[in-house]
C-alpha atoms as a PDB file:
ATOM      1  CA  MET A   1     -25.422 -10.122  23.161  1.00  0.00           C
ATOM      2  CA  LEU A   2     -24.323  -9.993  19.528  1.00  0.00           C
ATOM      3  CA  ALA A   3     -22.211  -7.534  17.577  1.00  0.00           C
ATOM      4  CA  GLY A   4     -21.882  -7.206  13.858  1.00  0.00           C
ATOM      5  CA  ALA A   5     -18.301  -7.454  12.632  1.00  0.00           C
ATOM      6  CA  VAL A   6     -16.660  -6.645   9.317  1.00  0.00           C
ATOM      7  CA  ASP A   7     -13.101  -7.534   8.325  1.00  0.00           C
ATOM      8  CA  PHE A   8     -12.516  -5.276   5.354  1.00  0.00           C
ATOM      9  CA  GLY A   9      -9.398  -6.369   3.485  1.00  0.00           C
ATOM     10  CA  GLY A  10      -7.735  -5.597   0.203  1.00  0.00           C
ATOM     11  CA  THR A  11      -9.231  -8.578  -1.614  1.00  0.00           C
ATOM     12  CA  LYS A  12     -11.915 -10.013   0.675  1.00  0.00           C
ATOM     13  CA  LEU A  13     -14.733  -8.679   2.778  1.00  0.00           C
ATOM     14  CA  MET A  14     -15.751 -10.855   5.726  1.00  0.00           C
ATOM     15  CA  ALA A  15     -18.852 -10.218   7.796  1.00  0.00           C
ATOM     16  CA  GLY A  16     -19.802 -12.012  10.976  1.00  0.00           C
ATOM     17  CA  LEU A  17     -21.855 -12.085  14.124  1.00  0.00           C
ATOM     18  CA  VAL A  18     -19.812 -12.344  17.318  1.00  0.00           C
ATOM     19  CA  ASN A  19     -21.118 -12.839  20.846  1.00  0.00           C
ATOM     20  CA  GLU A  20     -19.822 -11.453  24.126  1.00  0.00           C
ATOM     21  CA  THR A  21     -17.452 -14.403  24.627  1.00  0.00           C
ATOM     22  CA  GLY A  22     -15.705 -13.696  21.328  1.00  0.00           C
ATOM     23  CA  THR A  23     -17.301 -16.650  19.566  1.00  0.00           C
ATOM     24  CA  ILE A  24     -18.162 -16.193  15.885  1.00  0.00           C
ATOM     25  CA  VAL A  25     -21.777 -17.306  15.588  1.00  0.00           C
ATOM     26  CA  ALA A  26     -22.044 -16.896  11.819  1.00  0.00           C
ATOM     27  CA  GLN A  27     -19.928 -15.473   9.023  1.00  0.00           C
ATOM     28  CA  GLN A  28     -19.640 -15.134   5.281  1.00  0.00           C
ATOM     29  CA  THR A  29     -17.033 -13.849   2.841  1.00  0.00           C
ATOM     30  CA  ALA A  30     -17.184 -12.031  -0.493  1.00  0.00           C
ATOM     31  CA  PRO A  31     -14.671 -10.302  -2.765  1.00  0.00           C
ATOM     32  CA  THR A  32     -14.054  -6.658  -1.838  1.00  0.00           C
ATOM     33  CA  PRO A  33     -15.742  -4.432  -4.451  1.00  0.00           C
ATOM     34  CA  LYS A  34     -12.584  -2.374  -4.792  1.00  0.00           C
ATOM     35  CA  ALA A  35     -13.367  -0.837  -8.167  1.00  0.00           C
ATOM     36  CA  GLU A  36     -16.839   0.295  -7.079  1.00  0.00           C
ATOM     37  CA  GLY A  37     -15.557   2.465  -4.263  1.00  0.00           C
ATOM     38  CA  PRO A  38     -16.034   2.614  -0.480  1.00  0.00           C
ATOM     39  CA  GLU A  39     -19.790   3.195  -0.668  1.00  0.00           C
ATOM     40  CA  ALA A  40     -20.179  -0.149  -2.416  1.00  0.00           C
ATOM     41  CA  ALA A  41     -18.025  -1.841   0.220  1.00  0.00           C
ATOM     42  CA  ALA A  42     -20.176  -0.430   3.027  1.00  0.00           C
ATOM     43  CA  ALA A  43     -23.364  -1.455   1.210  1.00  0.00           C
ATOM     44  CA  LEU A  44     -22.085  -4.991   0.649  1.00  0.00           C
ATOM     45  CA  ALA A  45     -21.007  -5.330   4.292  1.00  0.00           C
ATOM     46  CA  ALA A  46     -24.459  -4.190   5.412  1.00  0.00           C
ATOM     47  CA  LEU A  47     -26.165  -6.630   3.050  1.00  0.00           C
ATOM     48  CA  MET A  48     -24.059  -9.508   4.339  1.00  0.00           C
ATOM     49  CA  LEU A  49     -24.814  -8.614   7.959  1.00  0.00           C
ATOM     50  CA  ARG A  50     -28.550  -8.391   7.261  1.00  0.00           C
ATOM     51  CA  ASP A  51     -28.409 -11.839   5.653  1.00  0.00           C
ATOM     52  CA  LEU A  52     -26.580 -13.253   8.665  1.00  0.00           C
ATOM     53  CA  VAL A  53     -28.982 -11.849  11.259  1.00  0.00           C
ATOM     54  CA  SER A  54     -31.958 -12.979   9.195  1.00  0.00           C
ATOM     55  CA  ALA A  55     -30.568 -16.508   9.059  1.00  0.00           C
ATOM     56  CA  GLN A  56     -30.399 -16.433  12.876  1.00  0.00           C
ATOM     57  CA  GLY A  57     -34.051 -15.401  13.077  1.00  0.00           C
ATOM     58  CA  LEU A  58     -33.050 -11.910  14.222  1.00  0.00           C
ATOM     59  CA  THR A  59     -32.956  -8.372  12.865  1.00  0.00           C
ATOM     60  CA  THR A  60     -30.198  -5.791  12.911  1.00  0.00           C
ATOM     61  CA  ALA A  61     -31.972  -4.193  15.892  1.00  0.00           C
ATOM     62  CA  ASP A  62     -30.790  -7.197  17.919  1.00  0.00           C
ATOM     63  CA  LEU A  63     -27.152  -6.143  17.438  1.00  0.00           C
ATOM     64  CA  VAL A  64     -25.418  -3.804  19.887  1.00  0.00           C
ATOM     65  CA  GLY A  65     -23.519  -2.240  17.023  1.00  0.00           C
ATOM     66  CA  VAL A  66     -21.115  -2.990  14.217  1.00  0.00           C
ATOM     67  CA  GLY A  67     -17.340  -2.844  14.252  1.00  0.00           C
ATOM     68  CA  SER A  68     -15.144  -2.927  11.196  1.00  0.00           C
ATOM     69  CA  THR A  69     -11.483  -3.201  10.358  1.00  0.00           C
ATOM     70  CA  VAL A  70     -10.212  -1.004   7.554  1.00  0.00           C
ATOM     71  CA  PRO A  71      -7.219  -1.661   5.264  1.00  0.00           C
ATOM     72  CA  GLY A  72      -5.067   1.355   6.031  1.00  0.00           C
ATOM     73  CA  LEU A  73      -4.657   4.312   8.326  1.00  0.00           C
ATOM     74  CA  ALA A  74      -7.732   4.918  10.468  1.00  0.00           C
ATOM     75  CA  ASP A  75      -8.889   7.778  12.645  1.00  0.00           C
ATOM     76  CA  SER A  76     -10.875   5.584  15.018  1.00  0.00           C
ATOM     77  CA  ARG A  77     -12.041   8.498  17.125  1.00  0.00           C
ATOM     78  CA  ARG A  78     -13.864  10.070  14.178  1.00  0.00           C
ATOM     79  CA  GLY A  79     -14.592   6.827  12.320  1.00  0.00           C
ATOM     80  CA  ILE A  80     -12.664   7.856   9.226  1.00  0.00           C
ATOM     81  CA  LEU A  81     -10.505   5.700   6.981  1.00  0.00           C
ATOM     82  CA  ARG A  82      -7.739   8.210   6.364  1.00  0.00           C
ATOM     83  CA  TYR A  83      -5.866   6.355   3.622  1.00  0.00           C
ATOM     84  CA  ALA A  84      -6.136   2.897   2.073  1.00  0.00           C
ATOM     85  CA  PRO A  85      -3.007   2.495  -0.108  1.00  0.00           C
ATOM     86  CA  ALA A  86      -4.212  -0.606  -1.955  1.00  0.00           C
ATOM     87  CA  HIS A  87      -7.448   1.139  -2.919  1.00  0.00           C
ATOM     88  CA  ASP A  88      -6.205   4.732  -3.173  1.00  0.00           C
ATOM     89  CA  TRP A  89      -9.117   5.823  -0.976  1.00  0.00           C
ATOM     90  CA  ARG A  90      -8.698   8.849   1.274  1.00  0.00           C
ATOM     91  CA  ASP A  91     -10.762  10.391   4.088  1.00  0.00           C
ATOM     92  CA  VAL A  92     -13.634   7.922   3.884  1.00  0.00           C
ATOM     93  CA  PRO A  93     -16.225   8.225   6.724  1.00  0.00           C
ATOM     94  CA  PHE A  94     -16.630   4.465   6.820  1.00  0.00           C
ATOM     95  CA  ALA A  95     -18.195   4.245  10.290  1.00  0.00           C
ATOM     96  CA  ALA A  96     -20.866   6.784   9.289  1.00  0.00           C
ATOM     97  CA  MET A  97     -21.526   4.804   6.113  1.00  0.00           C
ATOM     98  CA  LEU A  98     -22.165   1.643   8.105  1.00  0.00           C
ATOM     99  CA  THR A  99     -24.411   3.522  10.519  1.00  0.00           C
ATOM    100  CA  GLU A 100     -26.408   4.942   7.606  1.00  0.00           C
ATOM    101  CA  GLN A 101     -26.776   1.486   6.059  1.00  0.00           C
ATOM    102  CA  LEU A 102     -27.689  -0.383   9.256  1.00  0.00           C
ATOM    103  CA  GLY A 103     -29.033   2.197  11.684  1.00  0.00           C
ATOM    104  CA  LEU A 104     -26.505   1.001  14.297  1.00  0.00           C
ATOM    105  CA  PRO A 105     -23.582   2.601  16.109  1.00  0.00           C
ATOM    106  CA  ALA A 106     -20.395   1.749  14.255  1.00  0.00           C
ATOM    107  CA  ARG A 107     -16.703   1.856  15.104  1.00  0.00           C
ATOM    108  CA  ILE A 108     -13.659   1.223  12.935  1.00  0.00           C
ATOM    109  CA  ALA A 109     -10.016   0.375  13.557  1.00  0.00           C
ATOM    110  CA  ASN A 110      -6.961  -0.605  11.586  1.00  0.00           C
ATOM    111  CA  ASP A 111      -6.826  -4.383  11.177  1.00  0.00           C
ATOM    112  CA  VAL A 112      -3.748  -4.915  13.368  1.00  0.00           C
ATOM    113  CA  ASN A 113      -5.277  -2.798  16.135  1.00  0.00           C
ATOM    114  CA  ALA A 114      -8.397  -4.963  15.952  1.00  0.00           C
ATOM    115  CA  CYS A 115      -6.268  -8.113  16.194  1.00  0.00           C
ATOM    116  CA  ALA A 116      -4.518  -6.774  19.283  1.00  0.00           C
ATOM    117  CA  LEU A 117      -7.828  -5.891  20.903  1.00  0.00           C
ATOM    118  CA  ALA A 118      -9.247  -9.344  20.153  1.00  0.00           C
ATOM    119  CA  GLU A 119      -6.231 -11.032  21.701  1.00  0.00           C
ATOM    120  CA  LEU A 120      -6.513  -8.820  24.774  1.00  0.00           C
ATOM    121  CA  ARG A 121     -10.219  -9.470  25.282  1.00  0.00           C
ATOM    122  CA  PHE A 122     -10.579 -13.079  24.179  1.00  0.00           C
ATOM    123  CA  GLY A 123      -7.204 -14.670  23.506  1.00  0.00           C
ATOM    124  CA  ALA A 124      -3.697 -15.050  24.847  1.00  0.00           C
ATOM    125  CA  GLY A 125      -3.760 -11.519  26.236  1.00  0.00           C
ATOM    126  CA  ARG A 126      -6.545 -12.047  28.741  1.00  0.00           C
ATOM    127  CA  GLY A 127      -5.388 -10.824  32.128  1.00  0.00           C
ATOM    128  CA  VAL A 128      -2.740  -8.415  30.818  1.00  0.00           C
ATOM    129  CA  THR A 129      -3.018  -4.675  30.285  1.00  0.00           C
ATOM    130  CA  ASN A 130      -0.041  -3.952  28.004  1.00  0.00           C
ATOM    131  CA  LEU A 131       0.314  -5.959  24.813  1.00  0.00           C
ATOM    132  CA  LEU A 132       2.295  -5.711  21.607  1.00  0.00           C
ATOM    133  CA  TRP A 133       0.795  -7.408  18.547  1.00  0.00           C
ATOM    134  CA  ILE A 134       3.063  -8.129  15.565  1.00  0.00           C
ATOM    135  CA  THR A 135       1.795  -9.383  12.227  1.00  0.00           C
ATOM    136  CA  VAL A 136       4.530 -10.976  10.118  1.00  0.00           C
ATOM    137  CA  SER A 137       3.312 -11.785   6.638  1.00  0.00           C
ATOM    138  CA  THR A 138       3.964 -10.144   3.251  1.00  0.00           C
ATOM    139  CA  GLY A 139       4.666  -7.070   5.352  1.00  0.00           C
ATOM    140  CA  ILE A 140       5.079  -6.442   9.058  1.00  0.00           C
ATOM    141  CA  GLY A 141       2.561  -4.491  11.088  1.00  0.00           C
ATOM    142  CA  GLY A 142       2.137  -3.863  14.767  1.00  0.00           C
ATOM    143  CA  ALA A 143      -0.300  -2.589  17.349  1.00  0.00           C
ATOM    144  CA  LEU A 144       0.031  -1.476  20.949  1.00  0.00           C
ATOM    145  CA  ILE A 145      -2.372  -1.977  23.816  1.00  0.00           C
ATOM    146  CA  LEU A 146      -1.329   0.236  26.731  1.00  0.00           C
ATOM    147  CA  ASP A 147      -3.263   0.290  30.003  1.00  0.00           C
ATOM    148  CA  GLY A 148      -5.984  -1.795  28.357  1.00  0.00           C
ATOM    149  CA  ARG A 149      -6.563   0.526  25.418  1.00  0.00           C
ATOM    150  CA  ILE A 150      -5.365   0.695  21.840  1.00  0.00           C
ATOM    151  CA  HIS A 151      -2.632   3.309  21.656  1.00  0.00           C
ATOM    152  CA  GLN A 152      -2.744   5.049  18.287  1.00  0.00           C
ATOM    153  CA  GLY A 153      -0.445   8.000  18.849  1.00  0.00           C
ATOM    154  CA  GLY A 154      -1.044  11.520  17.616  1.00  0.00           C
ATOM    155  CA  GLY A 155      -1.271  10.548  13.952  1.00  0.00           C
ATOM    156  CA  GLY A 156      -2.703   7.055  14.278  1.00  0.00           C
ATOM    157  CA  ILE A 157       0.479   5.194  13.323  1.00  0.00           C
ATOM    158  CA  ALA A 158       1.791   4.065  16.723  1.00  0.00           C
ATOM    159  CA  GLY A 159       2.971   0.456  16.784  1.00  0.00           C
ATOM    160  CA  GLU A 160       4.605   0.419  13.351  1.00  0.00           C
ATOM    161  CA  VAL A 161       7.279  -2.068  14.377  1.00  0.00           C
ATOM    162  CA  GLY A 162       7.822  -3.015  10.741  1.00  0.00           C
ATOM    163  CA  HIS A 163       9.680   0.245  10.247  1.00  0.00           C
ATOM    164  CA  LEU A 164      12.029   0.029  13.178  1.00  0.00           C
ATOM    165  CA  ILE A 165      15.519  -0.025  11.657  1.00  0.00           C
ATOM    166  CA  VAL A 166      17.357  -3.177  12.697  1.00  0.00           C
ATOM    167  CA  ASP A 167      20.140  -3.212  10.079  1.00  0.00           C
ATOM    168  CA  GLU A 168      21.588   0.155   9.049  1.00  0.00           C
ATOM    169  CA  GLU A 169      23.246  -1.424   5.999  1.00  0.00           C
ATOM    170  CA  GLY A 170      20.224  -3.539   5.101  1.00  0.00           C
ATOM    171  CA  PRO A 171      18.113  -3.552   1.955  1.00  0.00           C
ATOM    172  CA  LEU A 172      15.903  -0.663   0.927  1.00  0.00           C
ATOM    173  CA  CYS A 173      12.415  -0.777   2.408  1.00  0.00           C
ATOM    174  CA  GLY A 174       9.275   0.324   0.613  1.00  0.00           C
ATOM    175  CA  CYS A 175       9.081   3.280   2.997  1.00  0.00           C
ATOM    176  CA  GLY A 176      12.356   4.640   1.586  1.00  0.00           C
ATOM    177  CA  HIS A 177      14.662   3.757   4.491  1.00  0.00           C
ATOM    178  CA  ARG A 178      17.221   0.980   4.700  1.00  0.00           C
ATOM    179  CA  GLY A 179      17.169  -1.982   7.053  1.00  0.00           C
ATOM    180  CA  CYS A 180      13.620  -1.723   8.359  1.00  0.00           C
ATOM    181  CA  LEU A 181      12.343  -4.860  10.055  1.00  0.00           C
ATOM    182  CA  GLU A 182       9.872  -5.343   7.216  1.00  0.00           C
ATOM    183  CA  ALA A 183      12.693  -5.257   4.649  1.00  0.00           C
ATOM    184  CA  VAL A 184      14.639  -8.050   6.375  1.00  0.00           C
ATOM    185  CA  ALA A 185      12.077 -10.213   8.211  1.00  0.00           C
ATOM    186  CA  ALA A 186       8.803 -10.181   6.248  1.00  0.00           C
ATOM    187  CA  GLY A 187       7.852 -13.064   3.974  1.00  0.00           C
ATOM    188  CA  PRO A 188       9.457 -11.761   0.752  1.00  0.00           C
ATOM    189  CA  ALA A 189      12.736 -11.038   2.544  1.00  0.00           C
ATOM    190  CA  ILE A 190      12.826 -14.561   3.966  1.00  0.00           C
ATOM    191  CA  ALA A 191      12.343 -16.060   0.489  1.00  0.00           C
ATOM    192  CA  LEU A 192      14.976 -13.809  -1.100  1.00  0.00           C
ATOM    193  CA  ARG A 193      17.547 -14.663   1.553  1.00  0.00           C
ATOM    194  CA  ALA A 194      16.859 -18.376   1.127  1.00  0.00           C
ATOM    195  CA  GLN A 195      17.246 -18.170  -2.626  1.00  0.00           C
ATOM    196  CA  ALA A 196      20.523 -16.250  -2.238  1.00  0.00           C
ATOM    197  CA  ARG A 197      21.790 -19.073  -0.013  1.00  0.00           C
ATOM    198  CA  GLY A 198      21.091 -21.683  -2.660  1.00  0.00           C
ATOM    199  CA  LEU A 199      17.482 -22.714  -2.025  1.00  0.00           C
ATOM    200  CA  PHE A 200      16.546 -21.816  -5.580  1.00  0.00           C
ATOM    201  CA  GLY A 201      12.824 -21.379  -6.203  1.00  0.00           C
ATOM    202  CA  ALA A 202      11.999 -21.520  -2.505  1.00  0.00           C
ATOM    203  CA  ASP A 203       9.082 -19.420  -1.332  1.00  0.00           C
ATOM    204  CA  THR A 204       8.450 -18.461   2.273  1.00  0.00           C
ATOM    205  CA  PRO A 205       6.140 -21.386   3.188  1.00  0.00           C
ATOM    206  CA  MET A 206       8.718 -23.792   1.759  1.00  0.00           C
ATOM    207  CA  VAL A 207      11.536 -22.182   3.766  1.00  0.00           C
ATOM    208  CA  LEU A 208       9.508 -22.463   6.961  1.00  0.00           C
ATOM    209  CA  ALA A 209       8.564 -26.071   6.215  1.00  0.00           C
ATOM    210  CA  LEU A 210      12.205 -26.985   5.510  1.00  0.00           C
ATOM    211  CA  ALA A 211      13.342 -25.260   8.702  1.00  0.00           C
ATOM    212  CA  ARG A 212      10.754 -27.211  10.661  1.00  0.00           C
ATOM    213  CA  ARG A 213      12.342 -30.387   9.292  1.00  0.00           C
ATOM    214  CA  GLY A 214      15.828 -29.157  10.250  1.00  0.00           C
ATOM    215  CA  GLU A 215      17.200 -28.386   6.774  1.00  0.00           C
ATOM    216  CA  PRO A 216      20.433 -26.427   7.483  1.00  0.00           C
ATOM    217  CA  LEU A 217      20.124 -23.539   4.979  1.00  0.00           C
ATOM    218  CA  ALA A 218      16.459 -22.902   5.745  1.00  0.00           C
ATOM    219  CA  SER A 219      17.148 -23.105   9.468  1.00  0.00           C
ATOM    220  CA  GLN A 220      19.906 -20.516   9.129  1.00  0.00           C
ATOM    221  CA  VAL A 221      17.577 -18.135   7.273  1.00  0.00           C
ATOM    222  CA  VAL A 222      14.896 -18.538   9.929  1.00  0.00           C
ATOM    223  CA  ARG A 223      17.436 -17.940  12.726  1.00  0.00           C
ATOM    224  CA  GLU A 224      18.548 -14.727  11.029  1.00  0.00           C
ATOM    225  CA  THR A 225      14.923 -13.654  10.778  1.00  0.00           C
ATOM    226  CA  ALA A 226      14.492 -14.358  14.478  1.00  0.00           C
ATOM    227  CA  VAL A 227      17.521 -12.203  15.318  1.00  0.00           C
ATOM    228  CA  TYR A 228      16.023  -9.264  13.433  1.00  0.00           C
ATOM    229  CA  LEU A 229      12.692  -9.750  15.192  1.00  0.00           C
ATOM    230  CA  GLY A 230      14.461  -9.979  18.540  1.00  0.00           C
ATOM    231  CA  LYS A 231      16.260  -6.679  17.921  1.00  0.00           C
ATOM    232  CA  ALA A 232      12.965  -4.916  17.168  1.00  0.00           C
ATOM    233  CA  ILE A 233      11.170  -6.449  20.133  1.00  0.00           C
ATOM    234  CA  ALA A 234      14.024  -5.464  22.452  1.00  0.00           C
ATOM    235  CA  LEU A 235      13.556  -1.847  21.371  1.00  0.00           C
ATOM    236  CA  CYS A 236       9.846  -2.160  22.123  1.00  0.00           C
ATOM    237  CA  TYR A 237      10.533  -3.600  25.573  1.00  0.00           C
ATOM    238  CA  ASN A 238      12.816  -0.704  26.404  1.00  0.00           C
ATOM    239  CA  LEU A 239      10.235   1.818  25.233  1.00  0.00           C
ATOM    240  CA  VAL A 240       6.825   0.476  26.359  1.00  0.00           C
ATOM    241  CA  ASP A 241       7.540  -2.604  28.540  1.00  0.00           C
ATOM    242  CA  PRO A 242       4.748  -4.886  27.256  1.00  0.00           C
ATOM    243  CA  ASP A 243       3.385  -7.703  29.381  1.00  0.00           C
ATOM    244  CA  LEU A 244       3.117  -9.909  26.311  1.00  0.00           C
ATOM    245  CA  VAL A 245       4.071  -9.992  22.619  1.00  0.00           C
ATOM    246  CA  VAL A 246       1.632 -11.842  20.352  1.00  0.00           C
ATOM    247  CA  PHE A 247       2.468 -12.863  16.787  1.00  0.00           C
ATOM    248  CA  GLY A 248      -0.004 -13.224  13.947  1.00  0.00           C
ATOM    249  CA  GLY A 249       0.187 -13.489  10.159  1.00  0.00           C
ATOM    250  CA  GLY A 250       1.370 -16.280   7.905  1.00  0.00           C
ATOM    251  CA  VAL A 251       4.983 -16.140   9.105  1.00  0.00           C
ATOM    252  CA  GLY A 252       3.974 -15.247  12.647  1.00  0.00           C
ATOM    253  CA  GLN A 253       2.095 -18.539  12.900  1.00  0.00           C
ATOM    254  CA  HIS A 254       5.536 -20.182  12.904  1.00  0.00           C
ATOM    255  CA  VAL A 255       6.985 -18.119  15.744  1.00  0.00           C
ATOM    256  CA  ASP A 256       7.624 -21.338  17.679  1.00  0.00           C
ATOM    257  CA  LEU A 257      10.535 -21.962  15.271  1.00  0.00           C
ATOM    258  CA  MET A 258      12.046 -18.597  16.215  1.00  0.00           C
ATOM    259  CA  LYS A 259      10.971 -18.093  19.812  1.00  0.00           C
ATOM    260  CA  GLU A 260      14.153 -19.304  21.498  1.00  0.00           C
ATOM    261  CA  THR A 261      16.367 -17.070  19.355  1.00  0.00           C
ATOM    262  CA  ILE A 262      14.033 -14.073  19.685  1.00  0.00           C
ATOM    263  CA  LEU A 263      13.994 -14.383  23.461  1.00  0.00           C
ATOM    264  CA  SER A 264      17.770 -14.746  23.581  1.00  0.00           C
ATOM    265  CA  VAL A 265      18.228 -11.504  21.632  1.00  0.00           C
ATOM    266  CA  VAL A 266      15.649  -9.682  23.745  1.00  0.00           C
ATOM    267  CA  ARG A 267      17.336 -10.777  26.971  1.00  0.00           C
ATOM    268  CA  GLU A 268      20.675  -9.599  25.592  1.00  0.00           C
ATOM    269  CA  ARG A 269      19.484  -6.186  24.402  1.00  0.00           C
ATOM    270  CA  ALA A 270      16.519  -5.130  26.538  1.00  0.00           C
ATOM    271  CA  ILE A 271      16.405  -3.811  30.076  1.00  0.00           C
ATOM    272  CA  LEU A 272      14.288  -6.414  31.850  1.00  0.00           C
ATOM    273  CA  LEU A 273      13.220  -6.836  35.434  1.00  0.00           C
ATOM    274  CA  PRO A 274      13.882 -10.339  36.819  1.00  0.00           C
ATOM    275  CA  ALA A 275      10.245 -10.558  37.887  1.00  0.00           C
ATOM    276  CA  ARG A 276       9.085  -9.723  34.323  1.00  0.00           C
ATOM    277  CA  PRO A 277      10.780 -12.051  31.831  1.00  0.00           C
ATOM    278  CA  PRO A 278       9.740 -11.451  28.204  1.00  0.00           C
ATOM    279  CA  ARG A 279       6.689 -13.377  27.033  1.00  0.00           C
ATOM    280  CA  ILE A 280       6.074 -14.248  23.379  1.00  0.00           C
ATOM    281  CA  GLU A 281       3.102 -16.231  22.084  1.00  0.00           C
ATOM    282  CA  LYS A 282       1.407 -17.083  18.817  1.00  0.00           C
ATOM    283  CA  THR A 283      -2.112 -15.754  18.375  1.00  0.00           C
ATOM    284  CA  SER A 284      -4.686 -18.070  19.901  1.00  0.00           C
ATOM    285  CA  LEU A 285      -7.388 -16.702  17.588  1.00  0.00           C
ATOM    286  CA  GLY A 286      -5.692 -17.426  14.270  1.00  0.00           C
ATOM    287  CA  TYR A 287      -6.883 -15.774  11.096  1.00  0.00           C
ATOM    288  CA  GLU A 288     -10.196 -14.776  12.667  1.00  0.00           C
ATOM    289  CA  ALA A 289      -8.566 -12.393  15.144  1.00  0.00           C
ATOM    290  CA  ALA A 290      -9.378  -9.323  13.042  1.00  0.00           C
ATOM    291  CA  LEU A 291     -13.075 -10.201  12.741  1.00  0.00           C
ATOM    292  CA  ILE A 292     -13.332 -10.874  16.481  1.00  0.00           C
ATOM    293  CA  GLY A 293     -11.480  -7.653  17.200  1.00  0.00           C
ATOM    294  CA  ALA A 294     -13.867  -5.698  15.007  1.00  0.00           C
ATOM    295  CA  ALA A 295     -16.747  -6.955  17.135  1.00  0.00           C
ATOM    296  CA  ALA A 296     -14.830  -6.117  20.307  1.00  0.00           C
ATOM    297  CA  LEU A 297     -14.906  -2.473  19.273  1.00  0.00           C
ATOM    298  CA  VAL A 298     -18.612  -2.321  20.100  1.00  0.00           C
ATOM    299  CA  LEU A 299     -19.303  -5.249  22.439  1.00  0.00           C
ATOM    300  CA  GLU A 300     -20.529  -4.110  25.823  1.00  0.00           C
ATOM    301  CA  GLY A 301     -20.196  -0.522  24.656  1.00  0.00           C
ATOM    302  CA  GLU A 302     -16.438  -0.574  25.230  1.00  0.00           C
ATOM    303  CA  ALA A 303     -14.494   0.673  22.244  1.00  0.00           C
ATOM    304  CA  HIS A 304     -11.100   0.628  24.001  1.00  0.00           C
ATOM    305  CA  VAL A 305      -9.808   2.991  21.346  1.00  0.00           C
ATOM    306  CA  GLY A 306      -7.955   6.223  21.923  1.00  0.00           C
END
């Protein structure tokens, strides 16, 4: 059983074929045709998928369907990309476009929701039913799996952990509020704090690398980041009681540096049952989680959305 998968990002468009075990059988990447509009993106994704199935000696009729991430707010139930800020696209029926191009059932989801679904089905989340996914990169995004299904909320924005306020006196966030998790713990905030402490010219990868080697200033910045993350995760534990928290993203790949501090803060602030200690893991699927999650939307006819 094979599903077509599309990871539709701000700068790149990845297409792949994924089997029922979550293994990527084939994939290719191209620049996102942002200037040409969403129709061009759907057409390019379809062309890439047709090339991939042809190379496997198959046709698109051999696919059970196609799933796609979208770079923004998604109405997964209706298959509509509601708003893509980086593209300034609104109310795009992207699932219907893919169906028209390929003659296959299509489903879409926000990229972080797809990552969470992939981890639940094929990664560290196998065997759990309630999962919180957190992407820590240039920004911070989150997704909730509750009772085995993606929980989107009434407006499709459930899981936005990046905009939990963890420091009332903190810096201004892009959303207009002060002290959001994204404003104090995302990649740019880590670099700015390091530079303010005297690590002039340091970017986020450098800070993380220095902290891994035990450099005192970098280690302090990373510990502070972990405290902020722990505060946000504690709020999530009190509200939805996840079985597992999984980190992805460029900074999230280094959660091992922060795990001890995060867990300490969570234990201090959250209401936890002794039989359910907090669990935090790094994604086991890496940067391909979104593509695998896109396929999971249609594999075995189980969308797990809604």
